[in-house]
PDB file of N, CA and C in Angstrom:
ATOM      1  N   MET A   1      36.810  20.961 -66.657  1.00  0.00           N
ATOM      2  CA  MET A   1      37.642  21.217 -65.516  1.00  0.00           C
ATOM      3  C   MET A   1      38.958  20.467 -65.608  1.00  0.00           C
ATOM      4  N   GLY A   2      39.351  20.058 -66.780  1.00  0.00           N
ATOM      5  CA  GLY A   2      40.586  19.316 -66.934  1.00  0.00           C
ATOM      6  C   GLY A   2      41.820  20.186 -66.970  1.00  0.00           C
ATOM      7  N   THR A   3      41.658  21.498 -66.898  1.00  0.00           N
ATOM      8  CA  THR A   3      42.822  22.377 -66.954  1.00  0.00           C
ATOM      9  C   THR A   3      43.610  22.377 -65.657  1.00  0.00           C
ATOM     10  N   PHE A   4      43.021  21.936 -64.559  1.00  0.00           N
ATOM     11  CA  PHE A   4      43.700  21.916 -63.277  1.00  0.00           C
ATOM     12  C   PHE A   4      44.114  20.486 -62.940  1.00  0.00           C
ATOM     13  N   GLU A   5      45.293  20.091 -63.404  1.00  0.00           N
ATOM     14  CA  GLU A   5      45.828  18.794 -63.035  1.00  0.00           C
ATOM     15  C   GLU A   5      47.105  19.000 -62.221  1.00  0.00           C
ATOM     16  N   LYS A   6      47.565  17.956 -61.600  1.00  0.00           N
ATOM     17  CA  LYS A   6      48.771  18.058 -60.779  1.00  0.00           C
ATOM     18  C   LYS A   6      49.937  18.507 -61.641  1.00  0.00           C
ATOM     19  N   GLY A   7      50.664  19.502 -61.146  1.00  0.00           N
ATOM     20  CA  GLY A   7      51.813  20.018 -61.869  1.00  0.00           C
ATOM     21  C   GLY A   7      51.525  21.250 -62.706  1.00  0.00           C
ATOM     22  N   ARG A   8      50.276  21.665 -62.813  1.00  0.00           N
ATOM     23  CA  ARG A   8      49.908  22.848 -63.599  1.00  0.00           C
ATOM     24  C   ARG A   8      50.340  24.104 -62.861  1.00  0.00           C
ATOM     25  N   VAL A   9      51.070  24.984 -63.541  1.00  0.00           N
ATOM     26  CA  VAL A   9      51.474  26.262 -62.970  1.00  0.00           C
ATOM     27  C   VAL A   9      50.341  27.253 -63.202  1.00  0.00           C
ATOM     28  N   CYS A  10      49.964  27.989 -62.146  1.00  0.00           N
ATOM     29  CA  CYS A  10      48.858  28.945 -62.193  1.00  0.00           C
ATOM     30  C   CYS A  10      49.305  30.275 -61.607  1.00  0.00           C
ATOM     31  N   VAL A  11      48.498  31.297 -61.849  1.00  0.00           N
ATOM     32  CA  VAL A  11      48.698  32.608 -61.248  1.00  0.00           C
ATOM     33  C   VAL A  11      47.456  32.924 -60.427  1.00  0.00           C
ATOM     34  N   LYS A  12      47.666  33.352 -59.185  1.00  0.00           N
ATOM     35  CA  LYS A  12      46.538  33.696 -58.321  1.00  0.00           C
ATOM     36  C   LYS A  12      46.036  35.077 -58.699  1.00  0.00           C
ATOM     37  N   ASN A  13      44.706  35.222 -58.823  1.00  0.00           N
ATOM     38  CA  ASN A  13      44.151  36.506 -59.223  1.00  0.00           C
ATOM     39  C   ASN A  13      43.261  37.138 -58.159  1.00  0.00           C
ATOM     40  N   PHE A  14      43.231  36.558 -56.950  1.00  0.00           N
ATOM     41  CA  PHE A  14      42.484  37.123 -55.832  1.00  0.00           C
ATOM     42  C   PHE A  14      43.274  36.908 -54.550  1.00  0.00           C
ATOM     43  N   GLY A  15      42.978  37.695 -53.544  1.00  0.00           N
ATOM     44  CA  GLY A  15      43.560  37.495 -52.225  1.00  0.00           C
ATOM     45  C   GLY A  15      44.871  38.206 -52.025  1.00  0.00           C
ATOM     46  N   ARG A  16      45.491  37.941 -50.874  1.00  0.00           N
ATOM     47  CA  ARG A  16      46.737  38.632 -50.531  1.00  0.00           C
ATOM     48  C   ARG A  16      47.912  38.187 -51.383  1.00  0.00           C
ATOM     49  N   GLU A  17      47.798  37.039 -52.024  1.00  0.00           N
ATOM     50  CA  GLU A  17      48.870  36.544 -52.890  1.00  0.00           C
ATOM     51  C   GLU A  17      48.577  36.819 -54.364  1.00  0.00           C
ATOM     52  N   LYS A  18      47.777  37.812 -54.641  1.00  0.00           N
ATOM     53  CA  LYS A  18      47.392  38.148 -56.012  1.00  0.00           C
ATOM     54  C   LYS A  18      48.634  38.396 -56.860  1.00  0.00           C
ATOM     55  N   GLY A  19      48.686  37.744 -58.010  1.00  0.00           N
ATOM     56  CA  GLY A  19      49.808  37.897 -58.925  1.00  0.00           C
ATOM     57  C   GLY A  19      50.929  36.893 -58.713  1.00  0.00           C
ATOM     58  N   ALA A  20      50.860  36.101 -57.651  1.00  0.00           N
ATOM     59  CA  ALA A  20      51.910  35.133 -57.353  1.00  0.00           C
ATOM     60  C   ALA A  20      51.723  33.863 -58.177  1.00  0.00           C
ATOM     61  N   LYS A  21      52.837  33.286 -58.609  1.00  0.00           N
ATOM     62  CA  LYS A  21      52.791  32.013 -59.306  1.00  0.00           C
ATOM     63  C   LYS A  21      52.696  30.894 -58.288  1.00  0.00           C
ATOM     64  N   CYS A  22      51.963  29.848 -58.656  1.00  0.00           N
ATOM     65  CA  CYS A  22      51.846  28.686 -57.789  1.00  0.00           C
ATOM     66  C   CYS A  22      51.690  27.450 -58.664  1.00  0.00           C
ATOM     67  N   VAL A  23      51.859  26.302 -58.052  1.00  0.00           N
ATOM     68  CA  VAL A  23      51.710  25.034 -58.769  1.00  0.00           C
ATOM     69  C   VAL A  23      50.690  24.175 -58.027  1.00  0.00           C
ATOM     70  N   VAL A  24      49.840  23.492 -58.780  1.00  0.00           N
ATOM     71  CA  VAL A  24      48.820  22.609 -58.207  1.00  0.00           C
ATOM     72  C   VAL A  24      49.509  21.317 -57.791  1.00  0.00           C
ATOM     73  N   VAL A  25      49.389  20.966 -56.499  1.00  0.00           N
ATOM     74  CA  VAL A  25      50.021  19.748 -56.000  1.00  0.00           C
ATOM     75  C   VAL A  25      48.999  18.661 -55.660  1.00  0.00           C
ATOM     76  N   ASN A  26      47.724  19.035 -55.506  1.00  0.00           N
ATOM     77  CA  ASN A  26      46.702  18.050 -55.185  1.00  0.00           C
ATOM     78  C   ASN A  26      45.335  18.607 -55.575  1.00  0.00           C
ATOM     79  N   ILE A  27      44.452  17.747 -56.039  1.00  0.00           N
ATOM     80  CA  ILE A  27      43.082  18.136 -56.361  1.00  0.00           C
ATOM     81  C   ILE A  27      42.192  17.617 -55.238  1.00  0.00           C
ATOM     82  N   LEU A  28      41.525  18.534 -54.534  1.00  0.00           N
ATOM     83  CA  LEU A  28      40.716  18.158 -53.373  1.00  0.00           C
ATOM     84  C   LEU A  28      39.298  17.771 -53.757  1.00  0.00           C
ATOM     85  N   ASP A  29      38.622  18.598 -54.546  1.00  0.00           N
ATOM     86  CA  ASP A  29      37.284  18.286 -55.055  1.00  0.00           C
ATOM     87  C   ASP A  29      37.036  19.145 -56.282  1.00  0.00           C
ATOM     88  N   GLU A  30      35.771  19.266 -56.702  1.00  0.00           N
ATOM     89  CA  GLU A  30      35.486  20.007 -57.938  1.00  0.00           C
ATOM     90  C   GLU A  30      35.687  21.505 -57.804  1.00  0.00           C
ATOM     91  N   ASN A  31      35.779  22.037 -56.587  1.00  0.00           N
ATOM     92  CA  ASN A  31      35.945  23.479 -56.393  1.00  0.00           C
ATOM     93  C   ASN A  31      37.297  23.890 -55.830  1.00  0.00           C
ATOM     94  N   PHE A  32      38.000  22.989 -55.181  1.00  0.00           N
ATOM     95  CA  PHE A  32      39.230  23.361 -54.489  1.00  0.00           C
ATOM     96  C   PHE A  32      40.414  22.504 -54.911  1.00  0.00           C
ATOM     97  N   VAL A  33      41.584  23.132 -54.937  1.00  0.00           N
ATOM     98  CA  VAL A  33      42.843  22.445 -55.182  1.00  0.00           C
ATOM     99  C   VAL A  33      43.827  22.862 -54.091  1.00  0.00           C
ATOM    100  N   GLU A  34      44.874  22.100 -53.944  1.00  0.00           N
ATOM    101  CA  GLU A  34      45.931  22.430 -53.002  1.00  0.00           C
ATOM    102  C   GLU A  34      47.108  22.946 -53.822  1.00  0.00           C
ATOM    103  N   VAL A  35      47.618  24.123 -53.465  1.00  0.00           N
ATOM    104  CA  VAL A  35      48.689  24.756 -54.238  1.00  0.00           C
ATOM    105  C   VAL A  35      49.888  25.037 -53.356  1.00  0.00           C
ATOM    106  N   LEU A  36      51.027  25.172 -54.014  1.00  0.00           N
ATOM    107  CA  LEU A  36      52.258  25.591 -53.367  1.00  0.00           C
ATOM    108  C   LEU A  36      52.699  26.859 -54.084  1.00  0.00           C
ATOM    109  N   CYS A  37      52.718  27.982 -53.345  1.00  0.00           N
ATOM    110  CA  CYS A  37      53.039  29.273 -53.941  1.00  0.00           C
ATOM    111  C   CYS A  37      54.537  29.547 -53.917  1.00  0.00           C
ATOM    112  N   LYS A  38      54.936  30.477 -54.744  1.00  0.00           N
ATOM    113  CA  LYS A  38      56.346  30.811 -54.911  1.00  0.00           C
ATOM    114  C   LYS A  38      56.990  31.297 -53.623  1.00  0.00           C
ATOM    115  N   ASP A  39      56.346  32.181 -52.889  1.00  0.00           N
ATOM    116  CA  ASP A  39      56.959  32.803 -51.721  1.00  0.00           C
ATOM    117  C   ASP A  39      56.671  32.074 -50.416  1.00  0.00           C
ATOM    118  N   ARG A  40      55.832  31.055 -50.430  1.00  0.00           N
ATOM    119  CA  ARG A  40      55.478  30.340 -49.202  1.00  0.00           C
ATOM    120  C   ARG A  40      55.950  28.898 -49.303  1.00  0.00           C
ATOM    121  N   LYS A  41      56.299  28.321 -48.187  1.00  0.00           N
ATOM    122  CA  LYS A  41      56.782  26.942 -48.188  1.00  0.00           C
ATOM    123  C   LYS A  41      55.698  25.961 -47.755  1.00  0.00           C
ATOM    124  N   LYS A  42      54.505  26.469 -47.495  1.00  0.00           N
ATOM    125  CA  LYS A  42      53.419  25.651 -46.991  1.00  0.00           C
ATOM    126  C   LYS A  42      52.336  25.498 -48.057  1.00  0.00           C
ATOM    127  N   ARG A  43      51.776  24.314 -48.165  1.00  0.00           N
ATOM    128  CA  ARG A  43      50.666  24.087 -49.100  1.00  0.00           C
ATOM    129  C   ARG A  43      49.429  24.801 -48.596  1.00  0.00           C
ATOM    130  N   ARG A  44      48.619  25.285 -49.535  1.00  0.00           N
ATOM    131  CA  ARG A  44      47.399  26.006 -49.162  1.00  0.00           C
ATOM    132  C   ARG A  44      46.238  25.509 -50.002  1.00  0.00           C
ATOM    133  N   LYS A  45      45.066  25.521 -49.399  1.00  0.00           N
ATOM    134  CA  LYS A  45      43.830  25.196 -50.110  1.00  0.00           C
ATOM    135  C   LYS A  45      43.395  26.446 -50.854  1.00  0.00           C
ATOM    136  N   CYS A  46      43.007  26.294 -52.121  1.00  0.00           N
ATOM    137  CA  CYS A  46      42.651  27.452 -52.937  1.00  0.00           C
ATOM    138  C   CYS A  46      41.458  27.105 -53.820  1.00  0.00           C
ATOM    139  N   ASN A  47      40.544  28.057 -53.950  1.00  0.00           N
ATOM    140  CA  ASN A  47      39.400  27.903 -54.832  1.00  0.00           C
ATOM    141  C   ASN A  47      39.878  27.984 -56.284  1.00  0.00           C
ATOM    142  N   ARG A  48      39.351  27.138 -57.138  1.00  0.00           N
ATOM    143  CA  ARG A  48      39.750  27.143 -58.554  1.00  0.00           C
ATOM    144  C   ARG A  48      39.410  28.453 -59.250  1.00  0.00           C
ATOM    145  N   ARG A  49      38.362  29.132 -58.787  1.00  0.00           N
ATOM    146  CA  ARG A  49      37.983  30.405 -59.410  1.00  0.00           C
ATOM    147  C   ARG A  49      39.003  31.503 -59.134  1.00  0.00           C
ATOM    148  N   HIS A  50      39.869  31.298 -58.158  1.00  0.00           N
ATOM    149  CA  HIS A  50      40.881  32.291 -57.819  1.00  0.00           C
ATOM    150  C   HIS A  50      42.196  32.059 -58.553  1.00  0.00           C
ATOM    151  N   LEU A  51      42.230  31.081 -59.458  1.00  0.00           N
ATOM    152  CA  LEU A  51      43.450  30.742 -60.186  1.00  0.00           C
ATOM    153  C   LEU A  51      43.256  30.902 -61.687  1.00  0.00           C
ATOM    154  N   VAL A  52      44.316  31.344 -62.342  1.00  0.00           N
ATOM    155  CA  VAL A  52      44.341  31.405 -63.799  1.00  0.00           C
ATOM    156  C   VAL A  52      45.419  30.432 -64.258  1.00  0.00           C
ATOM    157  N   PRO A  53      45.040  29.328 -64.920  1.00  0.00           N
ATOM    158  CA  PRO A  53      46.049  28.357 -65.346  1.00  0.00           C
ATOM    159  C   PRO A  53      46.897  28.896 -66.487  1.00  0.00           C
ATOM    160  N   THR A  54      48.163  28.527 -66.487  1.00  0.00           N
ATOM    161  CA  THR A  54      49.060  28.874 -67.588  1.00  0.00           C
ATOM    162  C   THR A  54      49.297  27.606 -68.408  1.00  0.00           C
ATOM    163  N   GLU A  55      50.069  27.726 -69.469  1.00  0.00           N
ATOM    164  CA  GLU A  55      50.373  26.565 -70.297  1.00  0.00           C
ATOM    165  C   GLU A  55      51.523  25.743 -69.726  1.00  0.00           C
ATOM    166  N   GLU A  56      52.194  26.263 -68.706  1.00  0.00           N
ATOM    167  CA  GLU A  56      53.348  25.585 -68.126  1.00  0.00           C
ATOM    168  C   GLU A  56      52.925  24.392 -67.276  1.00  0.00           C
ATOM    169  N   MET A  57      53.712  23.336 -67.339  1.00  0.00           N
ATOM    170  CA  MET A  57      53.539  22.170 -66.486  1.00  0.00           C
ATOM    171  C   MET A  57      54.857  21.939 -65.759  1.00  0.00           C
ATOM    172  N   MET A  58      54.774  21.291 -64.601  1.00  0.00           N
ATOM    173  CA  MET A  58      55.961  21.060 -63.797  1.00  0.00           C
ATOM    174  C   MET A  58      55.876  19.647 -63.226  1.00  0.00           C
ATOM    175  N   ALA A  59      57.009  18.951 -63.229  1.00  0.00           N
ATOM    176  CA  ALA A  59      57.055  17.639 -62.588  1.00  0.00           C
ATOM    177  C   ALA A  59      57.114  17.866 -61.090  1.00  0.00           C
ATOM    178  N   ILE A  60      56.206  17.238 -60.364  1.00  0.00           N
ATOM    179  CA  ILE A  60      56.126  17.427 -58.921  1.00  0.00           C
ATOM    180  C   ILE A  60      57.001  16.382 -58.233  1.00  0.00           C
ATOM    181  N   GLY A  61      58.025  16.857 -57.535  1.00  0.00           N
ATOM    182  CA  GLY A  61      58.847  16.002 -56.675  1.00  0.00           C
ATOM    183  C   GLY A  61      58.518  16.351 -55.252  1.00  0.00           C
ATOM    184  N   SER A  62      59.463  16.925 -54.559  1.00  0.00           N
ATOM    185  CA  SER A  62      59.201  17.394 -53.196  1.00  0.00           C
ATOM    186  C   SER A  62      58.745  18.854 -53.251  1.00  0.00           C
ATOM    187  N   ASP A  63      58.221  19.353 -52.146  1.00  0.00           N
ATOM    188  CA  ASP A  63      57.771  20.736 -52.076  1.00  0.00           C
ATOM    189  C   ASP A  63      58.920  21.708 -52.249  1.00  0.00           C
ATOM    190  N   GLU A  64      60.110  21.360 -51.738  1.00  0.00           N
ATOM    191  CA  GLU A  64      61.276  22.242 -51.856  1.00  0.00           C
ATOM    192  C   GLU A  64      61.704  22.388 -53.317  1.00  0.00           C
ATOM    193  N   GLU A  65      61.680  21.284 -54.069  1.00  0.00           N
ATOM    194  CA  GLU A  65      62.046  21.323 -55.485  1.00  0.00           C
ATOM    195  C   GLU A  65      61.053  22.180 -56.268  1.00  0.00           C
ATOM    196  N   ALA A  66      59.770  22.055 -55.964  1.00  0.00           N
ATOM    197  CA  ALA A  66      58.759  22.829 -56.660  1.00  0.00           C
ATOM    198  C   ALA A  66      58.912  24.310 -56.353  1.00  0.00           C
ATOM    199  N   ALA A  67      59.201  24.669 -55.097  1.00  0.00           N
ATOM    200  CA  ALA A  67      59.383  26.067 -54.719  1.00  0.00           C
ATOM    201  C   ALA A  67      60.602  26.671 -55.418  1.00  0.00           C
ATOM    202  N   LYS A  68      61.682  25.907 -55.543  1.00  0.00           N
ATOM    203  CA  LYS A  68      62.876  26.395 -56.230  1.00  0.00           C
ATOM    204  C   LYS A  68      62.595  26.598 -57.723  1.00  0.00           C
ATOM    205  N   ALA A  69      61.836  25.689 -58.326  1.00  0.00           N
ATOM    206  CA  ALA A  69      61.540  25.777 -59.752  1.00  0.00           C
ATOM    207  C   ALA A  69      60.640  26.979 -60.063  1.00  0.00           C
ATOM    208  N   LEU A  70      59.774  27.367 -59.129  1.00  0.00           N
ATOM    209  CA  LEU A  70      58.906  28.522 -59.328  1.00  0.00           C
ATOM    210  C   LEU A  70      59.662  29.839 -59.229  1.00  0.00           C
ATOM    211  N   ALA A  71      60.751  29.853 -58.490  1.00  0.00           N
ATOM    212  CA  ALA A  71      61.504  31.102 -58.248  1.00  0.00           C
ATOM    213  C   ALA A  71      62.190  31.615 -59.477  1.00  0.00           C
TER     214      ALA A  71
END
């Protein structure tokens, strides 16, 4: 489960945000992470099974900087 670390860029593969890029900003437990999606300015809790990690990493500053970098 080491593929989901802070700053990892992922693609959501389930739900209403399917296909959207997001970045992991916090690890909550073994099943859930907190993500910041490209089109939303609010952090969301997301199941790890609903994410596909990419090879991209991002330095996490503020939420606004992360949202701009995803765009």
